[in-house]
Amino acid sequence: MTASAPLLEAIELQTGPNPQRAIIWLHGLGADGRDFAPIVPELDLTGLPDVRFVFPHAAIMPVTINGGMAMRAWYDIIGTDLTRREDADGIRASERQVVALIERELARGIEARHIVLAGFSQGCAMTLHTGLRYGKALAGLVGLSGYLPLADLLEAERHEANRQTPIFLAHGTQDPVVQYARAKASLDALQALGHPVSWHEYPMPHSVHPQEIADIAAFLRQVLA
């Protein structure tokens, strides 16, 4: 896998002057990198080396399920089923863009084993898709309120380097956007292939729960130590 895509614009925040760890955080449909930037001061990363957060902005494209309205998206959503008719070309194009962001962190001196890929909703889908196919072992994957895209292809396409990468998977029990059952099906698929998944659910809709932030921080302190 090569980083042939141009770099996306991104917001960058650092917990200190000399980042030795990186977290690339992918936003959801219709949002941008600013959506999750405010979470940084809420995360207790006490004890970790300096961390660089990268919050990229996905490209603007028409989205079928929203009447063709142009918005920031990692790929097109064709119907409410999410997985029946998937935009494989769009997913793979965004995969190349996310890989380019990972490769930039490598070029800046941060090892792959010290990089976490995280995302919400569509960003979760891209995190799972890209992270499990990436050719160097990452520190961990954080998937929030999303699902596993192109699930039928994962077994054939996943890379050995990330078969044992820790995965934090979280979902709201009242999510009307990405149904709870869809998330559980993704969990089952990952576990069936032997991926180590830490599952968390919260009494919330398609959003973020305060306890979830604390749980994410605990996961990050573990995998980025």
Protein backbone atom coordinates (compact mmCIF):
# COMPACT_ATOMS: atom_id res chain seq x y z
CA MET A 1 0.00 0.00 0.00
CA THR A 2 1.49 3.34 -1.00
CA ALA A 3 0.72 6.91 -0.01
CA SER A 4 -0.14 8.19 -3.48
CA ALA A 5 -2.96 10.51 -2.41
CA PRO A 6 -2.47 14.24 -1.76
CA LEU A 7 -2.49 15.23 1.88
CA LEU A 8 -5.80 16.39 3.28
CA GLU A 9 -5.96 19.66 5.16
CA ALA A 10 -6.08 19.04 8.89
CA ILE A 11 -6.20 20.66 12.29
CA GLU A 12 -3.23 19.70 14.45
CA LEU A 13 -3.01 19.94 18.24
CA GLN A 14 -0.17 18.83 20.50
CA THR A 15 -0.05 17.99 24.19
CA GLY A 16 3.59 19.10 24.31
CA PRO A 17 6.45 20.46 22.18
CA ASN A 18 8.02 17.14 21.18
CA PRO A 19 5.38 14.69 19.92
CA GLN A 20 6.43 11.06 20.13
CA ARG A 21 2.92 9.67 19.67
CA ALA A 22 0.18 10.51 17.15
CA ILE A 23 -3.58 10.10 16.95
CA ILE A 24 -5.28 10.59 13.59
CA TRP A 25 -9.00 11.22 14.23
CA LEU A 26 -11.52 10.97 11.39
CA HIS A 27 -14.81 12.88 11.57
CA GLY A 28 -18.27 11.74 10.56
CA LEU A 29 -20.44 12.51 7.54
CA GLY A 30 -21.08 16.22 7.03
CA ALA A 31 -18.70 17.31 9.77
CA ASP A 32 -15.03 18.31 9.52
CA GLY A 33 -11.85 18.14 11.55
CA ARG A 34 -13.13 20.74 13.98
CA ASP A 35 -15.81 18.34 15.23
CA PHE A 36 -13.59 16.36 17.57
CA ALA A 37 -10.75 18.83 18.19
CA PRO A 38 -12.46 20.05 21.42
CA ILE A 39 -12.13 16.54 22.88
CA VAL A 40 -8.36 16.89 23.34
CA PRO A 41 -8.43 18.80 26.66
CA GLU A 42 -11.11 16.39 27.93
CA LEU A 43 -8.86 13.36 27.47
CA ASP A 44 -6.67 12.53 30.46
CA LEU A 45 -3.43 11.38 28.86
CA THR A 46 -1.39 11.75 32.03
CA GLY A 47 1.88 9.85 31.87
CA LEU A 48 2.11 9.64 28.09
CA PRO A 49 4.86 11.21 25.98
CA ASP A 50 3.80 14.28 23.99
CA VAL A 51 0.99 13.45 21.56
CA ARG A 52 0.14 15.06 18.21
CA PHE A 53 -3.56 14.96 17.31
CA VAL A 54 -4.39 15.21 13.60
CA PHE A 55 -8.01 16.02 12.66
CA PRO A 56 -8.26 15.92 8.84
CA HIS A 57 -11.06 17.38 6.73
CA ALA A 58 -12.54 14.87 4.27
CA ALA A 59 -13.17 16.00 0.70
CA ILE A 60 -16.50 17.57 -0.27
CA MET A 61 -18.69 15.30 -2.41
CA PRO A 62 -22.37 14.76 -3.23
CA VAL A 63 -24.00 12.25 -0.88
CA THR A 64 -26.84 10.18 -2.34
CA ILE A 65 -28.77 9.57 0.88
CA ASN A 66 -28.89 13.31 1.50
CA GLY A 67 -30.43 14.08 -1.89
CA GLY A 68 -27.09 14.56 -3.59
CA MET A 69 -26.17 17.49 -1.35
CA ALA A 70 -22.45 18.21 -1.36
CA MET A 71 -20.75 17.85 2.03
CA ARG A 72 -17.60 16.51 3.59
CA ALA A 73 -17.67 12.74 3.37
CA TRP A 74 -15.21 9.88 3.27
CA TYR A 75 -17.43 8.04 0.76
CA ASP A 76 -20.96 8.10 -0.61
CA ILE A 77 -23.84 6.66 1.40
CA ILE A 78 -26.32 5.15 -1.04
CA GLY A 79 -29.04 3.89 1.33
CA THR A 80 -30.01 3.49 4.96
CA ASP A 81 -28.90 -0.16 5.02
CA LEU A 82 -25.25 1.08 4.89
CA THR A 83 -23.80 -2.26 3.76
CA ARG A 84 -26.12 -3.48 0.99
CA ARG A 85 -24.76 -1.12 -1.70
CA GLU A 86 -21.41 0.25 -0.62
CA ASP A 87 -19.27 2.88 -2.33
CA ALA A 88 -16.18 0.69 -2.57
CA ASP A 89 -14.34 3.11 -4.87
CA GLY A 90 -14.94 6.00 -2.48
CA ILE A 91 -13.86 3.95 0.53
CA ARG A 92 -10.64 2.93 -1.20
CA ALA A 93 -9.91 6.49 -2.34
CA SER A 94 -10.25 7.71 1.25
CA GLU A 95 -8.13 4.77 2.43
CA ARG A 96 -5.28 6.15 0.32
CA GLN A 97 -5.76 9.59 1.87
CA VAL A 98 -5.69 8.19 5.41
CA VAL A 99 -2.58 6.15 4.59
CA ALA A 100 -0.93 9.37 3.38
CA LEU A 101 -1.62 10.93 6.77
CA ILE A 102 -0.10 7.93 8.56
CA GLU A 103 2.94 8.05 6.30
CA ARG A 104 3.43 11.73 7.08
CA GLU A 105 3.63 10.91 10.78
CA LEU A 106 6.25 8.27 9.98
CA ALA A 107 8.20 10.88 8.03
CA ARG A 108 8.00 13.19 11.03
CA GLY A 109 9.68 10.59 13.20
CA ILE A 110 6.75 8.81 14.88
CA GLU A 111 6.84 5.03 14.58
CA ALA A 112 3.75 3.19 13.36
CA ARG A 113 3.52 1.34 16.68
CA HIS A 114 3.01 4.73 18.33
CA ILE A 115 0.15 5.84 16.05
CA VAL A 116 -3.55 5.40 16.82
CA LEU A 117 -6.21 5.69 14.13
CA ALA A 118 -9.59 6.85 15.47
CA GLY A 119 -12.91 7.86 13.98
CA PHE A 120 -16.60 8.55 14.52
CA SER A 121 -19.40 7.14 12.33
CA GLN A 122 -18.05 7.25 8.74
CA GLY A 123 -14.70 7.98 10.34
CA CYS A 124 -15.05 4.78 12.37
CA ALA A 125 -15.73 2.85 9.18
CA MET A 126 -12.58 4.31 7.59
CA THR A 127 -10.55 3.60 10.73
CA LEU A 128 -11.46 -0.08 10.69
CA HIS A 129 -11.14 -0.43 6.92
CA THR A 130 -7.76 1.30 6.67
CA GLY A 131 -6.16 0.24 9.93
CA LEU A 132 -6.73 -3.48 9.42
CA ARG A 133 -5.28 -3.33 5.89
CA TYR A 134 -2.26 -1.17 6.73
CA GLY A 135 1.12 -2.82 6.30
CA LYS A 136 2.79 -1.72 9.55
CA ALA A 137 1.54 -2.52 13.06
CA LEU A 138 -0.31 0.42 14.59
CA ALA A 139 -0.72 1.12 18.32
CA GLY A 140 -4.51 0.79 18.24
CA LEU A 141 -7.79 1.57 16.52
CA VAL A 142 -10.67 3.54 18.06
CA GLY A 143 -14.04 3.12 16.35
CA LEU A 144 -16.98 5.18 17.65
CA SER A 145 -20.63 4.86 16.58
CA GLY A 146 -19.77 3.24 13.28
CA TYR A 147 -19.47 -0.11 11.53
CA LEU A 148 -17.16 -2.34 9.51
CA PRO A 149 -17.43 -1.51 5.78
CA LEU A 150 -16.73 -4.01 2.98
CA ALA A 151 -16.88 -6.66 5.71
CA ASP A 152 -16.95 -9.59 3.29
CA LEU A 153 -13.54 -8.58 1.93
CA LEU A 154 -11.73 -8.10 5.23
CA GLU A 155 -10.48 -11.65 5.69
CA ALA A 156 -8.82 -11.64 2.27
CA GLU A 157 -7.53 -8.07 2.38
CA ARG A 158 -6.42 -7.55 6.00
CA HIS A 159 -2.70 -7.34 6.67
CA GLU A 160 -0.91 -9.65 9.08
CA ALA A 161 0.75 -6.61 10.70
CA ASN A 162 -2.51 -5.49 12.32
CA ARG A 163 -4.21 -8.80 13.14
CA GLN A 164 -3.45 -8.34 16.84
CA THR A 165 -3.80 -4.55 17.04
CA PRO A 166 -6.09 -3.58 19.96
CA ILE A 167 -9.46 -2.21 18.86
CA PHE A 168 -11.68 0.01 21.02
CA LEU A 169 -15.23 -0.22 19.64
CA ALA A 170 -18.05 1.87 21.14
CA HIS A 171 -21.70 2.44 20.28
CA GLY A 172 -24.87 4.00 21.61
CA THR A 173 -27.76 1.67 22.42
CA GLN A 174 -30.21 4.29 21.08
CA ASP A 175 -28.36 5.17 17.86
CA PRO A 176 -30.87 5.93 15.05
CA VAL A 177 -28.17 6.60 12.42
CA VAL A 178 -25.95 3.53 12.62
CA GLN A 179 -28.23 0.96 14.18
CA TYR A 180 -26.99 -0.86 17.29
CA ALA A 181 -27.52 -4.19 15.52
CA ARG A 182 -25.21 -3.07 12.70
CA ALA A 183 -22.47 -2.26 15.19
CA LYS A 184 -22.88 -5.60 16.96
CA ALA A 185 -22.68 -7.40 13.60
CA SER A 186 -19.37 -5.60 12.98
CA LEU A 187 -18.14 -6.65 16.42
CA ASP A 188 -19.07 -10.25 15.69
CA ALA A 189 -17.30 -10.16 12.32
CA LEU A 190 -14.10 -8.78 13.85
CA GLN A 191 -14.11 -11.27 16.70
CA ALA A 192 -14.79 -14.15 14.32
CA LEU A 193 -11.57 -13.25 12.52
CA GLY A 194 -9.67 -13.18 15.81
CA HIS A 195 -9.22 -9.44 16.21
CA PRO A 196 -8.89 -8.29 19.85
CA VAL A 197 -11.86 -5.95 20.36
CA SER A 198 -12.75 -4.09 23.54
CA TRP A 199 -16.52 -3.44 23.25
CA HIS A 200 -18.23 -0.51 25.02
CA GLU A 201 -21.86 0.56 24.81
CA TYR A 202 -23.55 3.61 26.28
CA PRO A 203 -27.15 4.85 26.74
CA MET A 204 -26.94 7.48 24.00
CA PRO A 205 -27.99 8.22 20.40
CA HIS A 206 -25.46 8.98 17.62
CA SER A 207 -23.20 11.01 19.86
CA VAL A 208 -20.44 10.83 22.49
CA HIS A 209 -20.99 9.95 26.15
CA PRO A 210 -18.92 11.43 29.03
CA GLN A 211 -18.03 7.95 30.27
CA GLU A 212 -16.96 7.09 26.73
CA ILE A 213 -14.37 9.89 26.80
CA ALA A 214 -12.92 8.51 30.03
CA ASP A 215 -12.85 5.00 28.56
CA ILE A 216 -11.13 6.21 25.38
CA ALA A 217 -8.50 7.99 27.48
CA ALA A 218 -7.82 4.80 29.44
CA PHE A 219 -7.41 2.87 26.19
CA LEU A 220 -5.05 5.50 24.77
CA ARG A 221 -2.91 5.52 27.92
CA GLN A 222 -2.57 1.76 27.55
CA VAL A 223 -1.73 1.45 23.86
CA LEU A 224 0.44 4.59 23.62
CA ALA A 225 2.45 4.02 26.80
